[in-house]
Amino acid sequence: MQPTHSTKGISAVVATYKRKKELRRLFDSILAYPLKELELIIVDQNRDGLLDDLIAEFAPLLTLRHIKMEEANQSKARNLGAQAARYDVLCFPDDDCWFDPGALNAVQRHFEGAKAADLLIINWVQCPITHRVSRAVTQKELFSFRSVGYVTYVQFYRRPVFHQLGGFLEDVGIGQFIGGGEDSELTFRAMQRGFRIYYDADIRVNHYYIPVLTRQADVIRARQRGMGMVYAAYDIPYYVIFKGMVSPLVKMVLTLDRKRSGDFFNMFRGRLEGFVHTMRHRKRAVPQLQQSH
């Protein structure tokens, strides 16, 4: 059960596996501009004690909670960490991201303001979106895939909202048949169920951008199944789905590079597989809205 009350502040849940120096960089970025009302919940999926000395080093400097979990499942780890959170804002930074100075303080100010959203999305420095103006996000914009980022490390939820939504889908993410898209799926779920989403262009987080087509073929397919899942599960306009399916095929035909042609085919194939898989399991794919606590 999640806690029935919350205190003003930010609970940052970090699901981590086989990364240490990157996690140190995240800790250092937070210490550079510390926020008093912040807790870091480290859900450690390593079995070899990789992080024990790092946690011990930073424990006197940060409010840290170290939860160990044997199964390597990012979505499940994030949900587990969220259950332990005590502050009223939840975020899920990747273990290899780092914040700009003052970013978390700015997030807290947003949620203390009169126009605070249920879900705040901040700016990803290495992959900025075309819209540079902070504003509320509409369903039309979000469902066109042309508005804001959907990755976990740009998202800040009101904790009661996250729990009402039911958290991340635990059968979606790295290592699963649908190998990505758990973060965008939750964003779409929040919008379709009427929660308010706001984008702030001035609050920034860093994370190296790795283009989809630079990955191995099986990873491309697994990740793109997440896109197909979202197409099937939500009220995405038909023209957006059509474009998303056809575009990789057109690029596959037009490119003169054999490898890239194969990559575009795997992108299409992954989206189609995710779409068909989700249509077959649609009734049980998405959690029902939970009662507010």
C-alpha atoms as a PDB file:
ATOM      1  CA  MET A   1       0.000   0.000   0.000  1.00  0.00           C
ATOM      2  CA  GLN A   2       1.117   3.522  -0.722  1.00  0.00           C
ATOM      3  CA  PRO A   3       1.223   6.023   2.152  1.00  0.00           C
ATOM      4  CA  THR A   4      -2.104   7.786   2.744  1.00  0.00           C
ATOM      5  CA  HIS A   5      -0.566  11.215   3.335  1.00  0.00           C
ATOM      6  CA  SER A   6       2.331  13.165   1.913  1.00  0.00           C
ATOM      7  CA  THR A   7       4.673  15.992   2.805  1.00  0.00           C
ATOM      8  CA  LYS A   8       5.686  18.805   0.475  1.00  0.00           C
ATOM      9  CA  GLY A   9       8.852  17.900  -1.359  1.00  0.00           C
ATOM     10  CA  ILE A  10      10.185  15.642  -4.100  1.00  0.00           C
ATOM     11  CA  SER A  11      10.749  11.895  -3.971  1.00  0.00           C
ATOM     12  CA  ALA A  12      13.148  10.831  -6.729  1.00  0.00           C
ATOM     13  CA  VAL A  13      12.970   7.112  -7.479  1.00  0.00           C
ATOM     14  CA  VAL A  14      16.059   5.816  -9.294  1.00  0.00           C
ATOM     15  CA  ALA A  15      15.856   2.283 -10.673  1.00  0.00           C
ATOM     16  CA  THR A  16      19.457   1.267 -11.289  1.00  0.00           C
ATOM     17  CA  TYR A  17      21.317  -1.713 -12.728  1.00  0.00           C
ATOM     18  CA  LYS A  18      25.032  -2.107 -13.518  1.00  0.00           C
ATOM     19  CA  ARG A  19      25.793   1.621 -13.326  1.00  0.00           C
ATOM     20  CA  LYS A  20      27.941   3.266 -10.678  1.00  0.00           C
ATOM     21  CA  LYS A  21      29.928   6.199 -12.061  1.00  0.00           C
ATOM     22  CA  GLU A  22      26.787   7.466 -13.798  1.00  0.00           C
ATOM     23  CA  LEU A  23      24.878   7.331 -10.515  1.00  0.00           C
ATOM     24  CA  ARG A  24      27.661   9.307  -8.842  1.00  0.00           C
ATOM     25  CA  ARG A  25      27.238  12.003 -11.504  1.00  0.00           C
ATOM     26  CA  LEU A  26      23.513  12.190 -10.736  1.00  0.00           C
ATOM     27  CA  PHE A  27      24.239  12.528  -7.005  1.00  0.00           C
ATOM     28  CA  ASP A  28      26.811  15.248  -7.677  1.00  0.00           C
ATOM     29  CA  SER A  29      24.358  17.217  -9.838  1.00  0.00           C
ATOM     30  CA  ILE A  30      21.861  17.227  -6.979  1.00  0.00           C
ATOM     31  CA  LEU A  31      24.458  18.191  -4.387  1.00  0.00           C
ATOM     32  CA  ALA A  32      25.588  21.129  -6.543  1.00  0.00           C
ATOM     33  CA  TYR A  33      22.254  22.845  -5.837  1.00  0.00           C
ATOM     34  CA  PRO A  34      20.695  20.894  -2.956  1.00  0.00           C
ATOM     35  CA  LEU A  35      17.001  20.826  -2.168  1.00  0.00           C
ATOM     36  CA  LYS A  36      16.132  20.327   1.489  1.00  0.00           C
ATOM     37  CA  GLU A  37      12.826  18.574   0.854  1.00  0.00           C
ATOM     38  CA  LEU A  38      14.224  15.845  -1.382  1.00  0.00           C
ATOM     39  CA  GLU A  39      14.650  12.114  -0.895  1.00  0.00           C
ATOM     40  CA  LEU A  40      16.436   9.765  -3.257  1.00  0.00           C
ATOM     41  CA  ILE A  41      15.015   6.254  -3.312  1.00  0.00           C
ATOM     42  CA  ILE A  42      17.561   3.975  -4.953  1.00  0.00           C
ATOM     43  CA  VAL A  43      16.010   0.714  -6.142  1.00  0.00           C
ATOM     44  CA  ASP A  44      19.127  -1.392  -6.623  1.00  0.00           C
ATOM     45  CA  GLN A  45      18.742  -4.367  -8.972  1.00  0.00           C
ATOM     46  CA  ASN A  46      22.389  -5.445  -8.675  1.00  0.00           C
ATOM     47  CA  ARG A  47      23.119  -8.663  -6.819  1.00  0.00           C
ATOM     48  CA  ASP A  48      26.839  -8.099  -6.231  1.00  0.00           C
ATOM     49  CA  GLY A  49      26.792  -5.124  -3.860  1.00  0.00           C
ATOM     50  CA  LEU A  50      28.025  -2.837  -6.642  1.00  0.00           C
ATOM     51  CA  LEU A  51      26.526   0.292  -5.092  1.00  0.00           C
ATOM     52  CA  ASP A  52      26.994  -0.365  -1.387  1.00  0.00           C
ATOM     53  CA  ASP A  53      30.094   1.790  -0.937  1.00  0.00           C
ATOM     54  CA  LEU A  54      28.676   4.588  -3.120  1.00  0.00           C
ATOM     55  CA  ILE A  55      25.485   4.685  -1.049  1.00  0.00           C
ATOM     56  CA  ALA A  56      27.534   4.730   2.150  1.00  0.00           C
ATOM     57  CA  GLU A  57      29.634   7.619   0.815  1.00  0.00           C
ATOM     58  CA  PHE A  58      26.644   9.816  -0.062  1.00  0.00           C
ATOM     59  CA  ALA A  59      24.339   8.825   2.806  1.00  0.00           C
ATOM     60  CA  PRO A  60      25.620  11.653   5.082  1.00  0.00           C
ATOM     61  CA  LEU A  61      25.139  14.185   2.255  1.00  0.00           C
ATOM     62  CA  LEU A  62      21.748  13.234   0.810  1.00  0.00           C
ATOM     63  CA  THR A  63      18.523  11.770   2.133  1.00  0.00           C
ATOM     64  CA  LEU A  64      18.926   8.298   0.674  1.00  0.00           C
ATOM     65  CA  ARG A  65      16.831   5.162   0.891  1.00  0.00           C
ATOM     66  CA  HIS A  66      18.438   2.015  -0.484  1.00  0.00           C
ATOM     67  CA  ILE A  67      16.010  -0.700  -1.571  1.00  0.00           C
ATOM     68  CA  LYS A  68      17.399  -3.926  -3.017  1.00  0.00           C
ATOM     69  CA  MET A  69      15.433  -5.909  -5.580  1.00  0.00           C
ATOM     70  CA  GLU A  70      16.685  -9.128  -7.170  1.00  0.00           C
ATOM     71  CA  GLU A  71      14.613  -9.003 -10.348  1.00  0.00           C
ATOM     72  CA  ALA A  72      15.871  -6.720 -13.126  1.00  0.00           C
ATOM     73  CA  ASN A  73      12.657  -4.925 -14.114  1.00  0.00           C
ATOM     74  CA  GLN A  74      12.736  -1.128 -14.413  1.00  0.00           C
ATOM     75  CA  SER A  75       8.991  -0.572 -14.297  1.00  0.00           C
ATOM     76  CA  LYS A  76       8.519  -2.838 -11.290  1.00  0.00           C
ATOM     77  CA  ALA A  77      11.477  -1.172  -9.553  1.00  0.00           C
ATOM     78  CA  ARG A  78      10.009   2.296 -10.101  1.00  0.00           C
ATOM     79  CA  ASN A  79       6.614   1.211  -8.802  1.00  0.00           C
ATOM     80  CA  LEU A  80       8.279  -0.332  -5.749  1.00  0.00           C
ATOM     81  CA  GLY A  81      10.165   2.879  -5.053  1.00  0.00           C
ATOM     82  CA  ALA A  82       7.007   4.944  -5.492  1.00  0.00           C
ATOM     83  CA  GLN A  83       5.295   2.870  -2.799  1.00  0.00           C
ATOM     84  CA  ALA A  84       8.023   3.909  -0.356  1.00  0.00           C
ATOM     85  CA  ALA A  85       7.920   7.623  -1.237  1.00  0.00           C
ATOM     86  CA  ARG A  86       6.849  10.158   1.381  1.00  0.00           C
ATOM     87  CA  TYR A  87       6.848  13.462  -0.536  1.00  0.00           C
ATOM     88  CA  ASP A  88       4.006  14.825  -2.650  1.00  0.00           C
ATOM     89  CA  VAL A  89       5.908  14.971  -5.964  1.00  0.00           C
ATOM     90  CA  LEU A  90       7.332  11.867  -7.633  1.00  0.00           C
ATOM     91  CA  CYS A  91       9.993  11.710 -10.319  1.00  0.00           C
ATOM     92  CA  PHE A  92      11.939   8.871 -11.900  1.00  0.00           C
ATOM     93  CA  PRO A  93      15.383  10.025 -13.070  1.00  0.00           C
ATOM     94  CA  ASP A  94      17.416   7.477 -15.005  1.00  0.00           C
ATOM     95  CA  ASP A  95      20.602   6.376 -13.282  1.00  0.00           C
ATOM     96  CA  ASP A  96      22.621   7.948 -16.126  1.00  0.00           C
ATOM     97  CA  CYS A  97      20.950  11.366 -16.245  1.00  0.00           C
ATOM     98  CA  TRP A  98      21.901  14.554 -14.390  1.00  0.00           C
ATOM     99  CA  PHE A  99      20.062  17.785 -13.576  1.00  0.00           C
ATOM    100  CA  ASP A 100      20.941  21.352 -14.455  1.00  0.00           C
ATOM    101  CA  PRO A 101      21.694  23.528 -11.389  1.00  0.00           C
ATOM    102  CA  GLY A 102      18.486  24.570  -9.656  1.00  0.00           C
ATOM    103  CA  ALA A 103      16.239  22.284 -11.712  1.00  0.00           C
ATOM    104  CA  LEU A 104      14.679  20.481  -8.757  1.00  0.00           C
ATOM    105  CA  ASN A 105      14.155  23.749  -6.888  1.00  0.00           C
ATOM    106  CA  ALA A 106      12.300  25.090  -9.934  1.00  0.00           C
ATOM    107  CA  VAL A 107      10.151  21.955 -10.045  1.00  0.00           C
ATOM    108  CA  GLN A 108       9.200  22.427  -6.415  1.00  0.00           C
ATOM    109  CA  ARG A 109       8.266  26.067  -7.064  1.00  0.00           C
ATOM    110  CA  HIS A 110       6.020  24.949  -9.911  1.00  0.00           C
ATOM    111  CA  PHE A 111       4.103  22.540  -7.699  1.00  0.00           C
ATOM    112  CA  GLU A 112       3.744  25.176  -4.993  1.00  0.00           C
ATOM    113  CA  GLY A 113       2.186  27.605  -7.499  1.00  0.00           C
ATOM    114  CA  ALA A 114      -1.512  28.196  -8.060  1.00  0.00           C
ATOM    115  CA  LYS A 115      -1.448  26.771 -11.606  1.00  0.00           C
ATOM    116  CA  ALA A 116       0.512  23.632 -10.833  1.00  0.00           C
ATOM    117  CA  ALA A 117      -0.155  20.644 -13.082  1.00  0.00           C
ATOM    118  CA  ASP A 118      -0.791  17.013 -12.203  1.00  0.00           C
ATOM    119  CA  LEU A 119       2.159  16.060 -14.397  1.00  0.00           C
ATOM    120  CA  LEU A 120       5.037  18.431 -15.113  1.00  0.00           C
ATOM    121  CA  ILE A 121       7.317  17.713 -18.069  1.00  0.00           C
ATOM    122  CA  ILE A 122      10.678  19.466 -18.215  1.00  0.00           C
ATOM    123  CA  ASN A 123      13.163  20.067 -21.025  1.00  0.00           C
ATOM    124  CA  TRP A 124      15.605  17.374 -22.148  1.00  0.00           C
ATOM    125  CA  VAL A 125      18.769  19.291 -23.075  1.00  0.00           C
ATOM    126  CA  GLN A 126      20.212  16.767 -25.530  1.00  0.00           C
ATOM    127  CA  CYS A 127      16.919  16.241 -27.366  1.00  0.00           C
ATOM    128  CA  PRO A 128      14.986  19.527 -27.138  1.00  0.00           C
ATOM    129  CA  ILE A 129      11.504  19.744 -28.582  1.00  0.00           C
ATOM    130  CA  THR A 130      10.468  22.306 -31.167  1.00  0.00           C
ATOM    131  CA  HIS A 131       8.240  24.214 -28.746  1.00  0.00           C
ATOM    132  CA  ARG A 132      10.342  26.530 -26.598  1.00  0.00           C
ATOM    133  CA  VAL A 133       7.505  28.182 -24.706  1.00  0.00           C
ATOM    134  CA  SER A 134       6.325  26.862 -21.352  1.00  0.00           C
ATOM    135  CA  ARG A 135       2.608  26.091 -21.442  1.00  0.00           C
ATOM    136  CA  ALA A 136      -0.163  23.599 -20.747  1.00  0.00           C
ATOM    137  CA  VAL A 137      -0.175  20.597 -23.067  1.00  0.00           C
ATOM    138  CA  THR A 138      -3.378  19.710 -24.929  1.00  0.00           C
ATOM    139  CA  GLN A 139      -4.523  16.224 -25.841  1.00  0.00           C
ATOM    140  CA  LYS A 140      -4.359  17.099 -29.545  1.00  0.00           C
ATOM    141  CA  GLU A 141      -0.706  18.105 -29.202  1.00  0.00           C
ATOM    142  CA  LEU A 142       0.262  15.105 -27.106  1.00  0.00           C
ATOM    143  CA  PHE A 143      -1.492  12.550 -29.298  1.00  0.00           C
ATOM    144  CA  SER A 144       0.187  13.975 -32.409  1.00  0.00           C
ATOM    145  CA  PHE A 145       3.620  13.001 -30.984  1.00  0.00           C
ATOM    146  CA  ARG A 146       4.834  16.527 -31.768  1.00  0.00           C
ATOM    147  CA  SER A 147       4.589  18.304 -28.447  1.00  0.00           C
ATOM    148  CA  VAL A 148       6.736  17.247 -25.484  1.00  0.00           C
ATOM    149  CA  GLY A 149       9.072  14.486 -24.365  1.00  0.00           C
ATOM    150  CA  TYR A 150       7.648  11.382 -22.762  1.00  0.00           C
ATOM    151  CA  VAL A 151      10.761   9.805 -21.229  1.00  0.00           C
ATOM    152  CA  THR A 152      10.765   9.092 -17.503  1.00  0.00           C
ATOM    153  CA  TYR A 153      13.494  11.520 -16.514  1.00  0.00           C
ATOM    154  CA  VAL A 154      11.531  14.571 -17.719  1.00  0.00           C
ATOM    155  CA  GLN A 155       8.369  13.644 -15.801  1.00  0.00           C
ATOM    156  CA  PHE A 156       7.256  14.857 -12.364  1.00  0.00           C
ATOM    157  CA  TYR A 157       3.936  13.524 -11.046  1.00  0.00           C
ATOM    158  CA  ARG A 158       1.820  14.533  -8.116  1.00  0.00           C
ATOM    159  CA  ARG A 159       2.139  11.402  -6.028  1.00  0.00           C
ATOM    160  CA  PRO A 160      -1.625  10.835  -5.568  1.00  0.00           C
ATOM    161  CA  VAL A 161      -2.059  11.135  -9.345  1.00  0.00           C
ATOM    162  CA  PHE A 162       0.651   8.545 -10.012  1.00  0.00           C
ATOM    163  CA  HIS A 163      -1.042   6.098  -7.652  1.00  0.00           C
ATOM    164  CA  GLN A 164      -4.496   6.803  -9.092  1.00  0.00           C
ATOM    165  CA  LEU A 165      -3.132   5.958 -12.531  1.00  0.00           C
ATOM    166  CA  GLY A 166      -1.800   2.646 -11.236  1.00  0.00           C
ATOM    167  CA  GLY A 167       1.880   3.266 -11.942  1.00  0.00           C
ATOM    168  CA  PHE A 168       4.016   1.918 -14.779  1.00  0.00           C
ATOM    169  CA  LEU A 169       3.022  -1.214 -16.687  1.00  0.00           C
ATOM    170  CA  GLU A 170       5.329  -3.866 -15.241  1.00  0.00           C
ATOM    171  CA  ASP A 171       5.231  -6.078 -18.339  1.00  0.00           C
ATOM    172  CA  VAL A 172       6.563  -3.231 -20.497  1.00  0.00           C
ATOM    173  CA  GLY A 173      10.162  -2.005 -20.584  1.00  0.00           C
ATOM    174  CA  ILE A 174      13.721  -3.257 -20.997  1.00  0.00           C
ATOM    175  CA  GLY A 175      13.844  -7.053 -21.163  1.00  0.00           C
ATOM    176  CA  GLN A 176      10.123  -7.448 -21.930  1.00  0.00           C
ATOM    177  CA  PHE A 177       8.434  -8.302 -25.258  1.00  0.00           C
ATOM    178  CA  ILE A 178       7.368  -4.668 -25.470  1.00  0.00           C
ATOM    179  CA  GLY A 179      10.810  -3.325 -24.660  1.00  0.00           C
ATOM    180  CA  GLY A 180      10.036   0.364 -24.221  1.00  0.00           C
ATOM    181  CA  GLY A 181       7.327   2.979 -24.050  1.00  0.00           C
ATOM    182  CA  GLU A 182       6.275   2.472 -20.429  1.00  0.00           C
ATOM    183  CA  ASP A 183       6.948   6.165 -19.812  1.00  0.00           C
ATOM    184  CA  SER A 184       5.067   7.488 -22.847  1.00  0.00           C
ATOM    185  CA  GLU A 185       2.192   5.080 -22.128  1.00  0.00           C
ATOM    186  CA  LEU A 186       1.780   6.519 -18.643  1.00  0.00           C
ATOM    187  CA  THR A 187       1.843  10.065 -20.048  1.00  0.00           C
ATOM    188  CA  PHE A 188      -0.894   9.201 -22.541  1.00  0.00           C
ATOM    189  CA  ARG A 189      -2.879   7.462 -19.800  1.00  0.00           C
ATOM    190  CA  ALA A 190      -2.725  10.604 -17.657  1.00  0.00           C
ATOM    191  CA  MET A 191      -3.910  12.806 -20.520  1.00  0.00           C
ATOM    192  CA  GLN A 192      -6.720  10.510 -21.640  1.00  0.00           C
ATOM    193  CA  ARG A 193      -8.025  10.331 -18.072  1.00  0.00           C
ATOM    194  CA  GLY A 194      -8.229  14.091 -17.753  1.00  0.00           C
ATOM    195  CA  PHE A 195      -5.177  15.007 -15.694  1.00  0.00           C
ATOM    196  CA  ARG A 196      -3.440  18.332 -16.356  1.00  0.00           C
ATOM    197  CA  ILE A 197      -0.047  18.246 -18.062  1.00  0.00           C
ATOM    198  CA  TYR A 198       2.298  21.232 -18.231  1.00  0.00           C
ATOM    199  CA  TYR A 199       5.582  21.680 -20.063  1.00  0.00           C
ATOM    200  CA  ASP A 200       8.303  23.955 -18.674  1.00  0.00           C
ATOM    201  CA  ALA A 201      11.028  24.747 -21.199  1.00  0.00           C
ATOM    202  CA  ASP A 202      13.263  26.461 -18.643  1.00  0.00           C
ATOM    203  CA  ILE A 203      13.761  23.489 -16.289  1.00  0.00           C
ATOM    204  CA  ARG A 204      16.361  21.176 -17.760  1.00  0.00           C
ATOM    205  CA  VAL A 205      17.685  17.651 -17.355  1.00  0.00           C
ATOM    206  CA  ASN A 206      20.583  16.021 -19.187  1.00  0.00           C
ATOM    207  CA  HIS A 207      20.733  12.549 -20.699  1.00  0.00           C
ATOM    208  CA  TYR A 208      22.807  11.428 -23.659  1.00  0.00           C
ATOM    209  CA  TYR A 209      20.655  10.948 -26.757  1.00  0.00           C
ATOM    210  CA  ILE A 210      21.069   7.639 -28.564  1.00  0.00           C
ATOM    211  CA  PRO A 211      19.183   7.583 -31.900  1.00  0.00           C
ATOM    212  CA  VAL A 212      16.912   4.571 -32.300  1.00  0.00           C
ATOM    213  CA  LEU A 213      18.543   3.428 -35.521  1.00  0.00           C
ATOM    214  CA  THR A 214      22.002   3.150 -33.939  1.00  0.00           C
ATOM    215  CA  ARG A 215      20.850   0.227 -31.807  1.00  0.00           C
ATOM    216  CA  GLN A 216      20.871  -3.497 -32.591  1.00  0.00           C
ATOM    217  CA  ALA A 217      18.000  -4.882 -34.666  1.00  0.00           C
ATOM    218  CA  ASP A 218      16.335  -6.754 -31.781  1.00  0.00           C
ATOM    219  CA  VAL A 219      16.492  -3.648 -29.588  1.00  0.00           C
ATOM    220  CA  ILE A 220      14.947  -1.487 -32.328  1.00  0.00           C
ATOM    221  CA  ARG A 221      12.051  -3.923 -32.669  1.00  0.00           C
ATOM    222  CA  ALA A 222      11.524  -4.254 -28.920  1.00  0.00           C
ATOM    223  CA  ARG A 223      11.572  -0.488 -28.324  1.00  0.00           C
ATOM    224  CA  GLN A 224       9.293   0.276 -31.282  1.00  0.00           C
ATOM    225  CA  ARG A 225       6.698  -2.183 -29.996  1.00  0.00           C
ATOM    226  CA  GLY A 226       6.068   0.464 -27.357  1.00  0.00           C
ATOM    227  CA  MET A 227       4.995   2.897 -30.060  1.00  0.00           C
ATOM    228  CA  GLY A 228       2.623   0.303 -31.500  1.00  0.00           C
ATOM    229  CA  MET A 229       1.254  -0.323 -28.007  1.00  0.00           C
ATOM    230  CA  VAL A 230       0.377   3.356 -27.577  1.00  0.00           C
ATOM    231  CA  TYR A 231      -1.219   3.451 -31.049  1.00  0.00           C
ATOM    232  CA  ALA A 232      -3.514   0.583 -30.043  1.00  0.00           C
ATOM    233  CA  ALA A 233      -4.324   1.591 -26.472  1.00  0.00           C
ATOM    234  CA  TYR A 234      -5.245   5.271 -26.832  1.00  0.00           C
ATOM    235  CA  ASP A 235      -7.317   7.622 -28.982  1.00  0.00           C
ATOM    236  CA  ILE A 236      -4.516   8.421 -31.392  1.00  0.00           C
ATOM    237  CA  PRO A 237      -5.860   9.974 -34.627  1.00  0.00           C
ATOM    238  CA  TYR A 238      -5.894   7.506 -37.507  1.00  0.00           C
ATOM    239  CA  TYR A 239      -3.740   9.741 -39.685  1.00  0.00           C
ATOM    240  CA  VAL A 240      -1.039   9.794 -36.979  1.00  0.00           C
ATOM    241  CA  ILE A 241      -1.063   5.992 -36.771  1.00  0.00           C
ATOM    242  CA  PHE A 242      -1.002   5.690 -40.567  1.00  0.00           C
ATOM    243  CA  LYS A 243       1.942   8.055 -40.848  1.00  0.00           C
ATOM    244  CA  GLY A 244       3.790   6.293 -38.036  1.00  0.00           C
ATOM    245  CA  MET A 245       3.381   2.927 -39.742  1.00  0.00           C
ATOM    246  CA  VAL A 246       4.046   3.982 -43.326  1.00  0.00           C
ATOM    247  CA  SER A 247       6.940   6.393 -42.746  1.00  0.00           C
ATOM    248  CA  PRO A 248       9.533   3.691 -41.883  1.00  0.00           C
ATOM    249  CA  LEU A 249       8.509   1.702 -44.974  1.00  0.00           C
ATOM    250  CA  VAL A 250       8.945   4.725 -47.234  1.00  0.00           C
ATOM    251  CA  LYS A 251      12.369   5.420 -45.724  1.00  0.00           C
ATOM    252  CA  MET A 252      13.272   1.747 -46.101  1.00  0.00           C
ATOM    253  CA  VAL A 253      12.586   1.937 -49.837  1.00  0.00           C
ATOM    254  CA  LEU A 254      14.275   5.295 -50.407  1.00  0.00           C
ATOM    255  CA  THR A 255      17.501   4.766 -48.480  1.00  0.00           C
ATOM    256  CA  LEU A 256      20.523   3.523 -50.404  1.00  0.00           C
ATOM    257  CA  ASP A 257      22.123   2.047 -47.303  1.00  0.00           C
ATOM    258  CA  ARG A 258      21.308  -1.630 -46.820  1.00  0.00           C
ATOM    259  CA  LYS A 259      21.744  -1.594 -43.051  1.00  0.00           C
ATOM    260  CA  ARG A 260      19.573   1.485 -42.596  1.00  0.00           C
ATOM    261  CA  SER A 261      16.974  -0.088 -44.846  1.00  0.00           C
ATOM    262  CA  GLY A 262      16.904  -3.088 -42.516  1.00  0.00           C
ATOM    263  CA  ASP A 263      16.696  -0.813 -39.482  1.00  0.00           C
ATOM    264  CA  PHE A 264      13.684   1.015 -40.918  1.00  0.00           C
ATOM    265  CA  PHE A 265      12.024  -2.341 -41.595  1.00  0.00           C
ATOM    266  CA  ASN A 266      12.615  -3.389 -37.983  1.00  0.00           C
ATOM    267  CA  MET A 267      11.128  -0.089 -36.836  1.00  0.00           C
ATOM    268  CA  PHE A 268       7.968  -0.807 -38.854  1.00  0.00           C
ATOM    269  CA  ARG A 269       7.887  -4.447 -37.772  1.00  0.00           C
ATOM    270  CA  GLY A 270       8.234  -3.532 -34.108  1.00  0.00           C
ATOM    271  CA  ARG A 271       5.408  -0.991 -34.269  1.00  0.00           C
ATOM    272  CA  LEU A 272       3.150  -3.492 -36.015  1.00  0.00           C
ATOM    273  CA  GLU A 273       3.976  -6.231 -33.494  1.00  0.00           C
ATOM    274  CA  GLY A 274       3.270  -3.892 -30.578  1.00  0.00           C
ATOM    275  CA  PHE A 275      -0.013  -2.778 -32.129  1.00  0.00           C
ATOM    276  CA  VAL A 276      -1.248  -6.327 -32.772  1.00  0.00           C
ATOM    277  CA  HIS A 277      -0.097  -7.587 -29.362  1.00  0.00           C
ATOM    278  CA  THR A 278      -1.880  -4.757 -27.558  1.00  0.00           C
ATOM    279  CA  MET A 279      -5.103  -5.138 -29.558  1.00  0.00           C
ATOM    280  CA  ARG A 280      -5.195  -8.803 -28.552  1.00  0.00           C
ATOM    281  CA  HIS A 281      -4.750  -7.985 -24.862  1.00  0.00           C
ATOM    282  CA  ARG A 282      -6.403  -4.559 -24.743  1.00  0.00           C
ATOM    283  CA  LYS A 283      -8.919  -5.294 -21.999  1.00  0.00           C
ATOM    284  CA  ARG A 284      -6.183  -6.100 -19.488  1.00  0.00           C
ATOM    285  CA  ALA A 285      -3.409  -3.914 -20.893  1.00  0.00           C
ATOM    286  CA  VAL A 286      -4.027  -0.703 -18.962  1.00  0.00           C
ATOM    287  CA  PRO A 287      -4.809  -0.367 -15.220  1.00  0.00           C
ATOM    288  CA  GLN A 288      -8.133   1.119 -14.190  1.00  0.00           C
ATOM    289  CA  LEU A 289      -8.161   4.462 -12.421  1.00  0.00           C
ATOM    290  CA  GLN A 290      -7.573   3.912  -8.691  1.00  0.00           C
ATOM    291  CA  GLN A 291      -9.381   5.721  -5.911  1.00  0.00           C
ATOM    292  CA  SER A 292      -7.600   8.791  -4.556  1.00  0.00           C
ATOM    293  CA  HIS A 293      -5.880   8.447  -1.152  1.00  0.00           C
END
